[in-house]
C-alpha atoms as a PDB file:
ATOM      1  CA  MET A   1      -6.307 -25.563 -19.686  1.00  0.00           C
ATOM      2  CA  ALA A   2      -4.343 -28.629 -20.814  1.00  0.00           C
ATOM      3  CA  PHE A   3      -2.785 -26.809 -23.772  1.00  0.00           C
ATOM      4  CA  VAL A   4      -1.203 -24.218 -21.470  1.00  0.00           C
ATOM      5  CA  GLU A   5       0.226 -26.966 -19.242  1.00  0.00           C
ATOM      6  CA  CYS A   6       1.827 -28.590 -22.316  1.00  0.00           C
ATOM      7  CA  VAL A   7       3.313 -25.238 -23.307  1.00  0.00           C
ATOM      8  CA  LEU A   8       4.739 -24.732 -19.793  1.00  0.00           C
ATOM      9  CA  VAL A   9       6.385 -28.158 -19.924  1.00  0.00           C
ATOM     10  CA  GLU A  10       7.983 -27.314 -23.279  1.00  0.00           C
ATOM     11  CA  LEU A  11       9.256 -24.000 -21.904  1.00  0.00           C
ATOM     12  CA  THR A  12      11.064 -25.765 -19.079  1.00  0.00           C
ATOM     13  CA  HIS A  13      12.459 -28.658 -21.145  1.00  0.00           C
ATOM     14  CA  GLU A  14      13.327 -27.112 -24.529  1.00  0.00           C
ATOM     15  CA  ASN A  15      15.166 -24.003 -25.693  1.00  0.00           C
ATOM     16  CA  VAL A  16      11.924 -22.225 -26.659  1.00  0.00           C
ATOM     17  CA  GLY A  17       9.729 -19.369 -25.517  1.00  0.00           C
ATOM     18  CA  THR A  18       6.190 -18.200 -26.200  1.00  0.00           C
ATOM     19  CA  GLU A  19       4.992 -15.063 -27.871  1.00  0.00           C
ATOM     20  CA  TYR A  20       1.515 -13.556 -27.768  1.00  0.00           C
ATOM     21  CA  ARG A  21       1.183 -10.707 -30.249  1.00  0.00           C
ATOM     22  CA  SER A  22      -1.712  -8.278 -30.516  1.00  0.00           C
ATOM     23  CA  SER A  23      -2.256  -5.003 -32.316  1.00  0.00           C
ATOM     24  CA  ASN A  24      -4.103  -1.896 -31.354  1.00  0.00           C
ATOM     25  CA  VAL A  25      -4.460   1.595 -32.738  1.00  0.00           C
ATOM     26  CA  TRP A  26      -1.214   2.617 -30.982  1.00  0.00           C
ATOM     27  CA  GLY A  27       0.844  -0.257 -32.438  1.00  0.00           C
ATOM     28  CA  ALA A  28       2.006  -3.738 -31.540  1.00  0.00           C
ATOM     29  CA  THR A  29       1.945  -5.347 -28.100  1.00  0.00           C
ATOM     30  CA  ILE A  30       4.033  -8.480 -27.570  1.00  0.00           C
ATOM     31  CA  ASP A  31       4.224 -10.679 -24.473  1.00  0.00           C
ATOM     32  CA  GLN A  32       7.027 -13.243 -24.379  1.00  0.00           C
ATOM     33  CA  TYR A  33       7.556 -15.892 -21.696  1.00  0.00           C
ATOM     34  CA  VAL A  34      10.717 -17.953 -21.209  1.00  0.00           C
ATOM     35  CA  ALA A  35      11.878 -20.252 -18.414  1.00  0.00           C
ATOM     36  CA  THR A  36      14.902 -18.967 -16.514  1.00  0.00           C
ATOM     37  CA  GLY A  37      16.523 -22.374 -16.237  1.00  0.00           C
ATOM     38  CA  GLY A  38      15.723 -26.072 -16.118  1.00  0.00           C
ATOM     39  CA  THR A  39      12.556 -27.142 -14.360  1.00  0.00           C
ATOM     40  CA  GLU A  40      12.530 -24.145 -12.018  1.00  0.00           C
ATOM     41  CA  GLN A  41       9.263 -22.407 -11.329  1.00  0.00           C
ATOM     42  CA  ARG A  42      10.606 -18.983 -12.394  1.00  0.00           C
ATOM     43  CA  PHE A  43      10.046 -17.356 -15.759  1.00  0.00           C
ATOM     44  CA  ARG A  44      11.023 -14.171 -17.516  1.00  0.00           C
ATOM     45  CA  GLU A  45       8.190 -12.062 -18.919  1.00  0.00           C
ATOM     46  CA  ARG A  46       9.203  -9.675 -21.691  1.00  0.00           C
ATOM     47  CA  ARG A  47       6.610  -7.150 -22.764  1.00  0.00           C
ATOM     48  CA  TYR A  48       6.877  -4.923 -25.809  1.00  0.00           C
ATOM     49  CA  ASP A  49       4.516  -2.010 -26.189  1.00  0.00           C
ATOM     50  CA  GLU A  50       5.271   0.012 -29.307  1.00  0.00           C
ATOM     51  CA  PRO A  51       5.061   3.461 -27.684  1.00  0.00           C
ATOM     52  CA  LEU A  52       6.962   2.321 -24.555  1.00  0.00           C
ATOM     53  CA  ASP A  53       9.524  -0.225 -25.888  1.00  0.00           C
ATOM     54  CA  TRP A  54      10.581  -3.357 -23.926  1.00  0.00           C
ATOM     55  CA  ASP A  55      10.026  -4.132 -20.237  1.00  0.00           C
ATOM     56  CA  GLU A  56      11.113  -7.292 -18.419  1.00  0.00           C
ATOM     57  CA  ASN A  57      10.082  -8.958 -15.130  1.00  0.00           C
ATOM     58  CA  GLN A  58      10.628 -12.227 -13.268  1.00  0.00           C
ATOM     59  CA  ILE A  59       7.358 -14.070 -12.599  1.00  0.00           C
ATOM     60  CA  THR A  60       6.258 -17.464 -11.294  1.00  0.00           C
ATOM     61  CA  ARG A  61       4.992 -20.438 -13.274  1.00  0.00           C
ATOM     62  CA  ALA A  62       1.538 -19.865 -11.772  1.00  0.00           C
ATOM     63  CA  ASP A  63       1.546 -16.276 -13.062  1.00  0.00           C
ATOM     64  CA  VAL A  64       2.530 -17.412 -16.575  1.00  0.00           C
ATOM     65  CA  ARG A  65      -0.211 -20.056 -16.490  1.00  0.00           C
ATOM     66  CA  GLU A  66      -2.812 -17.496 -15.408  1.00  0.00           C
ATOM     67  CA  LYS A  67      -1.786 -14.957 -18.072  1.00  0.00           C
ATOM     68  CA  LEU A  68      -1.738 -17.523 -20.883  1.00  0.00           C
ATOM     69  CA  VAL A  69      -5.070 -19.053 -19.887  1.00  0.00           C
ATOM     70  CA  CYS A  70      -6.615 -15.577 -19.763  1.00  0.00           C
ATOM     71  CA  ARG A  71      -5.261 -14.579 -23.172  1.00  0.00           C
ATOM     72  CA  LEU A  72      -5.861 -17.885 -24.952  1.00  0.00           C
ATOM     73  CA  SER A  73      -9.398 -18.358 -23.648  1.00  0.00           C
ATOM     74  CA  GLN A  74     -10.663 -15.057 -25.067  1.00  0.00           C
ATOM     75  CA  SER A  75     -13.167 -15.468 -27.866  1.00  0.00           C
ATOM     76  CA  ALA A  76     -11.919 -12.342 -29.669  1.00  0.00           C
ATOM     77  CA  SER A  77      -8.769 -10.293 -29.950  1.00  0.00           C
ATOM     78  CA  VAL A  78      -8.111  -7.874 -27.118  1.00  0.00           C
ATOM     79  CA  ALA A  79      -7.749  -5.132 -29.741  1.00  0.00           C
ATOM     80  CA  THR A  80     -11.176  -5.740 -31.260  1.00  0.00           C
ATOM     81  CA  ASN A  81     -12.794  -5.385 -27.846  1.00  0.00           C
ATOM     82  CA  ARG A  82     -11.735  -1.738 -27.668  1.00  0.00           C
ATOM     83  CA  ILE A  83     -14.056   0.991 -28.840  1.00  0.00           C
ATOM     84  CA  HIS A  84     -12.236   3.228 -31.301  1.00  0.00           C
ATOM     85  CA  ALA A  85     -12.924   4.995 -34.576  1.00  0.00           C
ATOM     86  CA  ASP A  86     -10.333   2.834 -36.394  1.00  0.00           C
ATOM     87  CA  PRO A  87     -10.907  -0.830 -35.486  1.00  0.00           C
ATOM     88  CA  VAL A  88      -7.939  -3.195 -35.584  1.00  0.00           C
ATOM     89  CA  THR A  89      -8.294  -5.904 -38.208  1.00  0.00           C
ATOM     90  CA  GLU A  90      -5.205  -8.003 -37.419  1.00  0.00           C
ATOM     91  CA  PRO A  91      -5.990 -11.041 -35.248  1.00  0.00           C
ATOM     92  CA  ASP A  92      -3.972 -11.820 -32.127  1.00  0.00           C
ATOM     93  CA  THR A  93      -1.415 -14.605 -32.556  1.00  0.00           C
ATOM     94  CA  PHE A  94       0.248 -17.068 -30.193  1.00  0.00           C
ATOM     95  CA  VAL A  95       3.368 -19.036 -31.143  1.00  0.00           C
ATOM     96  CA  VAL A  96       6.133 -21.065 -29.549  1.00  0.00           C
ATOM     97  CA  LYS A  97       9.498 -20.031 -31.008  1.00  0.00           C
ATOM     98  CA  PRO A  98      13.163 -20.972 -30.598  1.00  0.00           C
ATOM     99  CA  MET A  99      14.892 -18.685 -28.096  1.00  0.00           C
ATOM    100  CA  GLN A 100      17.195 -17.163 -30.722  1.00  0.00           C
ATOM    101  CA  GLN A 101      14.199 -16.061 -32.783  1.00  0.00           C
ATOM    102  CA  LEU A 102      12.555 -14.424 -29.752  1.00  0.00           C
ATOM    103  CA  ARG A 103      15.721 -12.455 -29.017  1.00  0.00           C
ATOM    104  CA  THR A 104      15.998 -11.027 -32.509  1.00  0.00           C
ATOM    105  CA  ASP A 105      12.342 -10.106 -33.066  1.00  0.00           C
ATOM    106  CA  LEU A 106      11.803  -6.341 -32.943  1.00  0.00           C
ATOM    107  CA  GLY A 107      15.368  -5.676 -31.828  1.00  0.00           C
ATOM    108  CA  TYR A 108      15.108  -7.085 -28.294  1.00  0.00           C
ATOM    109  CA  GLU A 109      18.561  -7.302 -26.750  1.00  0.00           C
ATOM    110  CA  GLU A 110      19.475  -9.319 -23.657  1.00  0.00           C
ATOM    111  CA  SER A 111      20.708  -7.132 -20.827  1.00  0.00           C
END
């Protein structure tokens, strides 16, 4: 997916990160991806799950590409694919944000 490749280039050349946000009956889920420095092939994946709070891992560029292509190529929100008595009406969103904005969303603090 050409769009994902463009996003990966921006992540490695600008002070930005991506955020994929979805909702489900248990609350918000947020996946953030940021490059760990320069044009390296390593990225930081931050995942927020409302009941569980933040989790962070180091992953490769190929892993980020695969995850973004999977999420962005879905025809419907992940939340609306779930069978539940209370369907989620909020659509999933994907944005590229300045790093400072990613750090302050939902109280994420660098460790």
